[in-house]
Amino acid sequence: MNSDIDARFHRRRSRLRVALTAGALGAVLLLGGCGAGDASDAGGSSRDLKASAEKGIADEQYAPGDSAASAAPEAAKSGERQNKAPKPGAAGTHVIRTTELSVEVRSAPKAAAAARSAVEASGGLVATETTERIDDEHETSHLVLRVPQDSYQEVLRELTGSGKLLSRSSNAKDVTDQVVDVESRIATQRASVTRVRELMDKAEKLTDVVTLEGELSSRQADLESLLAQQASLKDRTSLATITLDLTEPDAPRKDGKDDDPGFLDALGGGWDAFVTMFQWIAVAIGAAAPFLATAALVLLVWRVSRARRAARTAVAAPRPEPESTPAP
């Protein structure tokens, strides 16, 4: 009886040990699986961030994702603008206008002052002004004027009517497509810079940060270059350029025709040549005067010394005695 009880007790105890051992083993396996899962999640998140950074750089270089999505509407708008290009002179057309004028006026300084007043009244400015005196009576002026497009024709008519028009050359270049293209590229480049900055905020490794910083610097430089092009286009399309040359006429002629050279002209030219030759001769004599004076002084000293030497020789020589005559 007791032996049966002991056998049952031992069997229950062995079953309990087996159950406890199995439970402990399961708990250990569960804890190990959780730790491995956390490590794999951490490694996977780091790898995902690196892959996203690399993918972001590649996408920005070749086929931008977010920037392409944001640039797509801009490209569509650009296409619509190009398809609906306004006619010349309509609002929205960007034109670079340049004109070169050569005008003969009675007084170049007065005409230059009038041109400055007209340009400043229209809201423009004088970029360059040069005045040169040709002789005692005549002057010439060279001005580079920047005039708003709205007042361009009016100022041009006023400058043309300020005197006798000698020459006029105008040029108009439509740069609407170029302006639209630059604006679209600026929008795309800004989206690209924003994308790289977002990737830099998510980057954890130093190598990823360095790579993204290089990409950000390059794209910011490209963006600044596009902004400079946009500013240049805006300046040249908002203000037209007028190059004005003001000259004064020669002395008025009686018959109004070109005079052919005559006797008086030839006489005047000969007299001028004679005076010029006389001046050069005088210059040559003045240059040679010191040498001639020195030579004359040397010659004078030589002649004086020679005369003195001859006198001394004559005094030192014995006088010849007179010949005796025979007595008669």
Protein backbone atom coordinates (compact mmCIF):
# COMPACT_ATOMS: atom_id res chain seq x y z
CA MET A 1 0.00 0.00 0.00
CA ASN A 2 2.70 2.37 1.03
CA SER A 3 4.76 1.33 -1.96
CA ASP A 4 1.95 2.28 -4.32
CA ILE A 5 1.59 5.67 -2.68
CA ASP A 6 5.32 6.32 -2.96
CA ALA A 7 5.32 5.33 -6.62
CA ARG A 8 2.46 7.73 -7.40
CA PHE A 9 4.20 10.52 -5.49
CA HIS A 10 7.41 10.03 -7.45
CA ARG A 11 5.56 10.01 -10.74
CA ARG A 12 3.75 13.31 -9.91
CA ARG A 13 7.00 14.88 -8.76
CA SER A 14 8.77 13.89 -11.98
CA ARG A 15 5.90 15.29 -14.05
CA LEU A 16 6.06 18.57 -12.13
CA ARG A 17 9.82 18.83 -12.76
CA VAL A 18 9.32 18.22 -16.46
CA ALA A 19 6.60 20.90 -16.60
CA LEU A 20 8.76 23.42 -14.72
CA THR A 21 11.74 22.69 -16.97
CA ALA A 22 9.65 23.10 -20.12
CA GLY A 23 8.21 26.37 -18.82
CA ALA A 24 11.63 27.77 -17.97
CA LEU A 25 12.98 26.79 -21.39
CA GLY A 26 10.06 28.43 -23.12
CA ALA A 27 10.57 31.64 -21.13
CA VAL A 28 14.26 31.70 -22.08
CA LEU A 29 13.45 31.16 -25.74
CA LEU A 30 10.79 33.87 -25.60
CA LEU A 31 13.17 36.41 -24.06
CA GLY A 32 15.89 35.55 -26.58
CA GLY A 33 13.47 35.95 -29.46
CA CYS A 34 12.35 39.36 -28.19
CA GLY A 35 15.94 40.58 -27.85
CA ALA A 36 16.85 39.34 -31.31
CA GLY A 37 13.74 41.00 -32.71
CA ASP A 38 14.68 44.33 -31.11
CA ALA A 39 18.23 44.13 -32.45
CA SER A 40 17.02 43.19 -35.88
CA ASP A 41 14.53 46.07 -35.76
CA ALA A 42 17.29 48.52 -34.76
CA GLY A 43 19.65 47.25 -37.47
CA GLY A 44 16.85 47.26 -39.97
CA SER A 45 15.89 50.86 -39.12
CA SER A 46 19.53 51.98 -39.51
CA ARG A 47 19.83 50.19 -42.82
CA ASP A 48 16.51 51.64 -43.96
CA LEU A 49 17.67 55.18 -43.11
CA LYS A 50 20.94 54.69 -45.00
CA ALA A 51 19.11 53.18 -47.96
CA SER A 52 16.60 56.02 -47.94
CA ALA A 53 19.43 58.57 -47.88
CA GLU A 54 21.22 56.90 -50.77
CA LYS A 55 17.96 56.51 -52.62
CA GLY A 56 17.09 60.13 -51.97
CA ILE A 57 20.43 61.30 -53.40
CA ALA A 58 20.08 59.07 -56.41
CA ASP A 59 16.49 60.14 -56.92
CA GLU A 60 17.44 63.80 -56.68
CA GLN A 61 20.24 63.36 -59.20
CA TYR A 62 18.43 61.36 -61.80
CA ALA A 63 14.68 61.17 -61.18
CA PRO A 64 13.63 63.36 -58.24
CA GLY A 65 10.69 61.94 -56.33
CA ASP A 66 9.18 64.73 -54.31
CA SER A 67 10.83 67.43 -56.40
CA ALA A 68 9.66 65.75 -59.57
CA ALA A 69 6.16 65.57 -58.17
CA SER A 70 6.28 69.22 -57.20
CA ALA A 71 7.99 70.18 -60.45
CA ALA A 72 5.46 68.33 -62.57
CA PRO A 73 2.75 70.96 -62.07
CA GLU A 74 5.34 73.67 -62.74
CA ALA A 75 6.38 71.95 -65.96
CA ALA A 76 2.74 71.62 -66.94
CA LYS A 77 2.21 75.30 -66.20
CA SER A 78 5.32 76.16 -68.21
CA GLY A 79 4.01 74.11 -71.11
CA GLU A 80 0.68 75.91 -70.89
CA ARG A 81 2.46 79.25 -70.85
CA GLN A 82 4.51 78.32 -73.88
CA ASN A 83 1.46 77.03 -75.71
CA LYS A 84 -0.40 80.21 -74.80
CA ALA A 85 2.48 82.52 -75.59
CA PRO A 86 1.20 86.08 -75.78
CA LYS A 87 1.70 88.20 -78.79
CA PRO A 88 4.56 90.73 -78.89
CA GLY A 89 3.70 93.74 -76.79
CA ALA A 90 1.13 91.90 -74.68
CA ALA A 91 1.40 91.63 -70.91
CA GLY A 92 3.59 88.67 -69.92
CA THR A 93 6.01 89.04 -72.82
CA HIS A 94 9.61 89.57 -71.78
CA VAL A 95 11.61 91.53 -74.35
CA ILE A 96 15.12 92.98 -74.20
CA ARG A 97 15.20 96.26 -76.17
CA THR A 98 18.38 98.10 -77.17
CA THR A 99 18.78 101.18 -79.39
CA GLU A 100 21.80 103.14 -80.62
CA LEU A 101 21.25 106.79 -81.62
CA SER A 102 23.61 109.30 -83.19
CA VAL A 103 22.23 112.86 -83.20
CA GLU A 104 23.80 116.12 -84.35
CA VAL A 105 22.91 119.01 -82.04
CA ARG A 106 23.93 122.63 -81.70
CA SER A 107 25.22 122.24 -78.15
CA ALA A 108 26.21 118.82 -76.83
CA PRO A 109 26.16 119.81 -73.12
CA LYS A 110 22.64 121.27 -73.39
CA ALA A 111 21.36 118.25 -75.30
CA ALA A 112 22.93 115.90 -72.74
CA ALA A 113 21.23 117.80 -69.90
CA ALA A 114 17.89 117.57 -71.71
CA ALA A 115 18.36 113.81 -72.24
CA ARG A 116 19.14 113.31 -68.54
CA SER A 117 16.01 115.22 -67.56
CA ALA A 118 13.81 113.19 -69.94
CA VAL A 119 15.16 109.88 -68.69
CA GLU A 120 14.85 110.77 -65.01
CA ALA A 121 11.31 112.07 -65.55
CA SER A 122 10.34 108.69 -67.04
CA GLY A 123 11.71 106.82 -64.01
CA GLY A 124 14.94 105.68 -65.66
CA LEU A 125 18.57 106.40 -64.97
CA VAL A 126 21.82 107.40 -66.68
CA ALA A 127 24.18 104.43 -66.56
CA THR A 128 27.17 106.08 -68.27
CA GLU A 129 27.98 109.60 -69.45
CA THR A 130 31.16 110.80 -71.16
CA THR A 131 31.79 114.30 -72.55
CA GLU A 132 34.87 115.06 -74.68
CA ARG A 133 36.10 118.37 -76.10
CA ILE A 134 37.24 118.01 -79.71
CA ASP A 135 38.62 121.54 -80.12
CA ASP A 136 38.10 125.00 -78.68
CA GLU A 137 34.55 125.24 -80.04
CA HIS A 138 33.12 121.72 -80.34
CA GLU A 139 32.25 118.96 -77.86
CA THR A 140 30.81 115.45 -78.08
CA SER A 141 28.85 113.42 -75.50
CA HIS A 142 28.26 109.68 -75.11
CA LEU A 143 25.42 108.51 -72.85
CA VAL A 144 24.05 105.07 -71.93
CA LEU A 145 20.44 105.45 -70.72
CA ARG A 146 18.20 102.88 -68.97
CA VAL A 147 14.52 103.58 -69.59
CA PRO A 148 11.41 101.67 -68.37
CA GLN A 149 9.67 99.67 -71.05
CA ASP A 150 6.45 101.68 -70.68
CA SER A 151 8.23 104.97 -71.44
CA TYR A 152 10.68 103.59 -73.99
CA GLN A 153 8.96 104.82 -77.17
CA GLU A 154 8.18 108.26 -75.75
CA VAL A 155 11.75 108.88 -74.57
CA LEU A 156 13.10 107.58 -77.87
CA ARG A 157 10.98 110.03 -79.86
CA GLU A 158 12.08 112.91 -77.64
CA LEU A 159 15.77 112.05 -78.03
CA THR A 160 15.44 111.59 -81.79
CA GLY A 161 13.79 114.99 -82.18
CA SER A 162 16.43 116.84 -80.17
CA GLY A 163 18.52 117.47 -83.31
CA LYS A 164 19.49 116.08 -86.70
CA LEU A 165 19.32 112.28 -86.70
CA LEU A 166 22.50 110.80 -88.17
CA SER A 167 21.95 107.08 -87.50
CA ARG A 168 19.61 104.78 -85.58
CA SER A 169 19.87 101.07 -84.82
CA SER A 170 17.26 99.17 -82.74
CA ASN A 171 17.08 95.57 -81.57
CA ALA A 172 14.31 93.66 -79.74
CA LYS A 173 14.92 90.13 -78.41
CA ASP A 174 12.06 88.04 -76.98
CA VAL A 175 13.31 86.05 -73.96
CA THR A 176 9.94 84.90 -72.61
CA ASP A 177 10.81 81.21 -72.99
CA GLN A 178 14.14 81.75 -71.24
CA VAL A 179 12.46 83.54 -68.32
CA VAL A 180 9.88 80.76 -67.92
CA ASP A 181 12.58 78.09 -68.11
CA VAL A 182 14.68 79.78 -65.43
CA GLU A 183 11.67 80.15 -63.14
CA SER A 184 10.83 76.44 -63.55
CA ARG A 185 14.42 75.40 -62.86
CA ILE A 186 14.50 77.59 -59.74
CA ALA A 187 11.34 75.91 -58.39
CA THR A 188 12.80 72.45 -59.04
CA GLN A 189 16.13 73.37 -57.47
CA ARG A 190 14.45 74.74 -54.35
CA ALA A 191 12.48 71.53 -53.96
CA SER A 192 15.74 69.58 -54.35
CA VAL A 193 17.45 71.64 -51.64
CA THR A 194 14.51 71.09 -49.30
CA ARG A 195 14.63 67.34 -49.93
CA VAL A 196 18.34 67.12 -49.10
CA ARG A 197 17.82 69.12 -45.89
CA GLU A 198 15.09 66.71 -44.79
CA LEU A 199 17.44 63.80 -45.39
CA MET A 200 20.14 65.55 -43.34
CA ASP A 201 17.71 65.88 -40.42
CA LYS A 202 17.10 62.11 -40.50
CA ALA A 203 20.74 61.07 -41.02
CA GLU A 204 22.55 59.54 -38.00
CA LYS A 205 25.90 58.38 -39.40
CA LEU A 206 28.72 60.82 -39.99
CA THR A 207 29.39 59.54 -43.53
CA ASP A 208 25.76 60.16 -44.51
CA VAL A 209 25.88 63.70 -43.06
CA VAL A 210 29.11 64.52 -44.96
CA THR A 211 27.69 63.20 -48.23
CA LEU A 212 24.46 65.13 -47.82
CA GLU A 213 26.33 68.33 -46.94
CA GLY A 214 28.30 68.07 -50.19
CA GLU A 215 25.10 67.58 -52.15
CA LEU A 216 23.44 70.50 -50.35
CA SER A 217 26.35 72.86 -51.09
CA SER A 218 26.37 71.91 -54.77
CA ARG A 219 22.63 72.39 -55.16
CA GLN A 220 22.62 75.70 -53.29
CA ALA A 221 25.36 76.96 -55.63
CA ASP A 222 23.25 75.96 -58.64
CA LEU A 223 20.24 77.70 -57.09
CA GLU A 224 22.20 80.92 -56.53
CA SER A 225 23.40 80.84 -60.15
CA LEU A 226 19.81 80.49 -61.38
CA LEU A 227 18.71 83.35 -59.13
CA ALA A 228 21.45 85.56 -60.58
CA GLN A 229 20.28 84.72 -64.11
CA GLN A 230 16.72 85.57 -63.12
CA ALA A 231 17.81 88.95 -61.68
CA SER A 232 19.78 89.76 -64.83
CA LEU A 233 16.84 88.89 -67.08
CA LYS A 234 14.50 90.96 -64.93
CA ASP A 235 16.80 93.99 -65.11
CA ARG A 236 17.26 93.80 -68.88
CA THR A 237 13.58 93.18 -69.61
CA SER A 238 12.22 95.84 -67.25
CA LEU A 239 14.62 98.59 -68.45
CA ALA A 240 15.46 99.23 -72.12
CA THR A 241 18.96 100.43 -73.03
CA ILE A 242 19.50 103.51 -75.23
CA THR A 243 23.03 104.44 -76.33
CA LEU A 244 23.08 108.12 -77.35
CA ASP A 245 25.93 109.90 -79.18
CA LEU A 246 25.66 113.70 -79.38
CA THR A 247 27.92 115.60 -81.80
CA GLU A 248 28.11 119.25 -82.80
CA PRO A 249 28.21 120.42 -86.45
CA ASP A 250 31.20 122.11 -88.06
CA ALA A 251 31.29 125.83 -88.87
CA PRO A 252 28.30 126.78 -91.11
CA ARG A 253 28.98 127.18 -94.87
CA LYS A 254 27.58 129.94 -97.06
CA ASP A 255 26.44 127.86 -100.01
CA GLY A 256 25.55 124.82 -97.95
CA LYS A 257 27.81 122.55 -100.04
CA ASP A 258 31.12 120.93 -99.35
CA ASP A 259 33.94 123.34 -100.29
CA ASP A 260 36.70 122.00 -102.55
CA PRO A 261 40.27 123.01 -101.68
CA GLY A 262 41.29 126.24 -103.53
CA PHE A 263 44.13 128.76 -103.75
CA LEU A 264 43.54 130.17 -100.28
CA ASP A 265 43.46 126.69 -98.78
CA ALA A 266 46.71 125.84 -100.55
CA LEU A 267 48.28 129.12 -99.43
CA GLY A 268 47.20 128.51 -95.86
CA GLY A 269 48.57 124.98 -95.96
CA GLY A 270 51.88 126.21 -97.41
CA TRP A 271 52.17 128.90 -94.76
CA ASP A 272 51.49 126.35 -92.04
CA ALA A 273 54.18 124.10 -93.51
CA PHE A 274 56.64 127.03 -93.66
CA VAL A 275 55.97 128.00 -90.05
CA THR A 276 56.33 124.39 -88.97
CA MET A 277 59.64 124.06 -90.83
CA PHE A 278 60.92 127.33 -89.32
CA GLN A 279 59.98 126.10 -85.88
CA TRP A 280 61.89 122.87 -86.42
CA ILE A 281 64.92 124.82 -87.69
CA ALA A 282 64.79 127.04 -84.62
CA VAL A 283 64.59 123.96 -82.44
CA ALA A 284 67.61 122.46 -84.19
CA ILE A 285 69.62 125.68 -83.81
CA GLY A 286 68.69 125.92 -80.15
CA ALA A 287 69.79 122.34 -79.61
CA ALA A 288 73.12 122.94 -81.40
CA ALA A 289 73.83 126.38 -79.85
CA PRO A 290 75.83 125.06 -76.86
CA PHE A 291 78.07 123.01 -79.13
CA LEU A 292 78.58 125.92 -81.57
CA ALA A 293 79.45 128.33 -78.75
CA THR A 294 81.99 125.90 -77.34
CA ALA A 295 83.57 125.42 -80.76
CA ALA A 296 83.76 129.21 -81.34
CA LEU A 297 85.41 129.74 -77.95
CA VAL A 298 88.00 127.05 -78.65
CA LEU A 299 88.72 128.58 -82.07
CA LEU A 300 89.15 132.04 -80.54
CA VAL A 301 91.54 130.79 -77.89
CA TRP A 302 93.54 128.93 -80.52
CA ARG A 303 93.88 132.02 -82.73
CA VAL A 304 94.88 134.28 -79.82
CA SER A 305 97.53 131.82 -78.64
CA ARG A 306 98.85 131.52 -82.20
CA ALA A 307 99.14 135.31 -82.57
CA ARG A 308 101.01 135.62 -79.29
CA ARG A 309 103.40 132.86 -80.29
CA ALA A 310 104.13 134.60 -83.58
CA ALA A 311 104.82 137.90 -81.79
CA ARG A 312 107.23 136.28 -79.38
CA THR A 313 109.13 134.67 -82.22
CA ALA A 314 109.47 137.99 -84.03
CA VAL A 315 110.87 139.76 -80.95
CA ALA A 316 113.42 137.07 -80.16
CA ALA A 317 114.89 136.91 -83.72
CA PRO A 318 118.16 139.18 -84.31
CA ARG A 319 117.76 142.16 -86.62
CA PRO A 320 119.96 142.07 -89.82
CA GLU A 321 122.84 144.66 -89.92
CA PRO A 322 122.87 147.21 -92.82
CA GLU A 323 125.36 146.61 -95.60
CA SER A 324 128.38 149.05 -95.79
CA THR A 325 128.72 151.10 -98.94
CA PRO A 326 132.21 151.84 -100.53
CA ALA A 327 133.54 155.34 -100.31
CA PRO A 328 133.32 157.33 -103.48
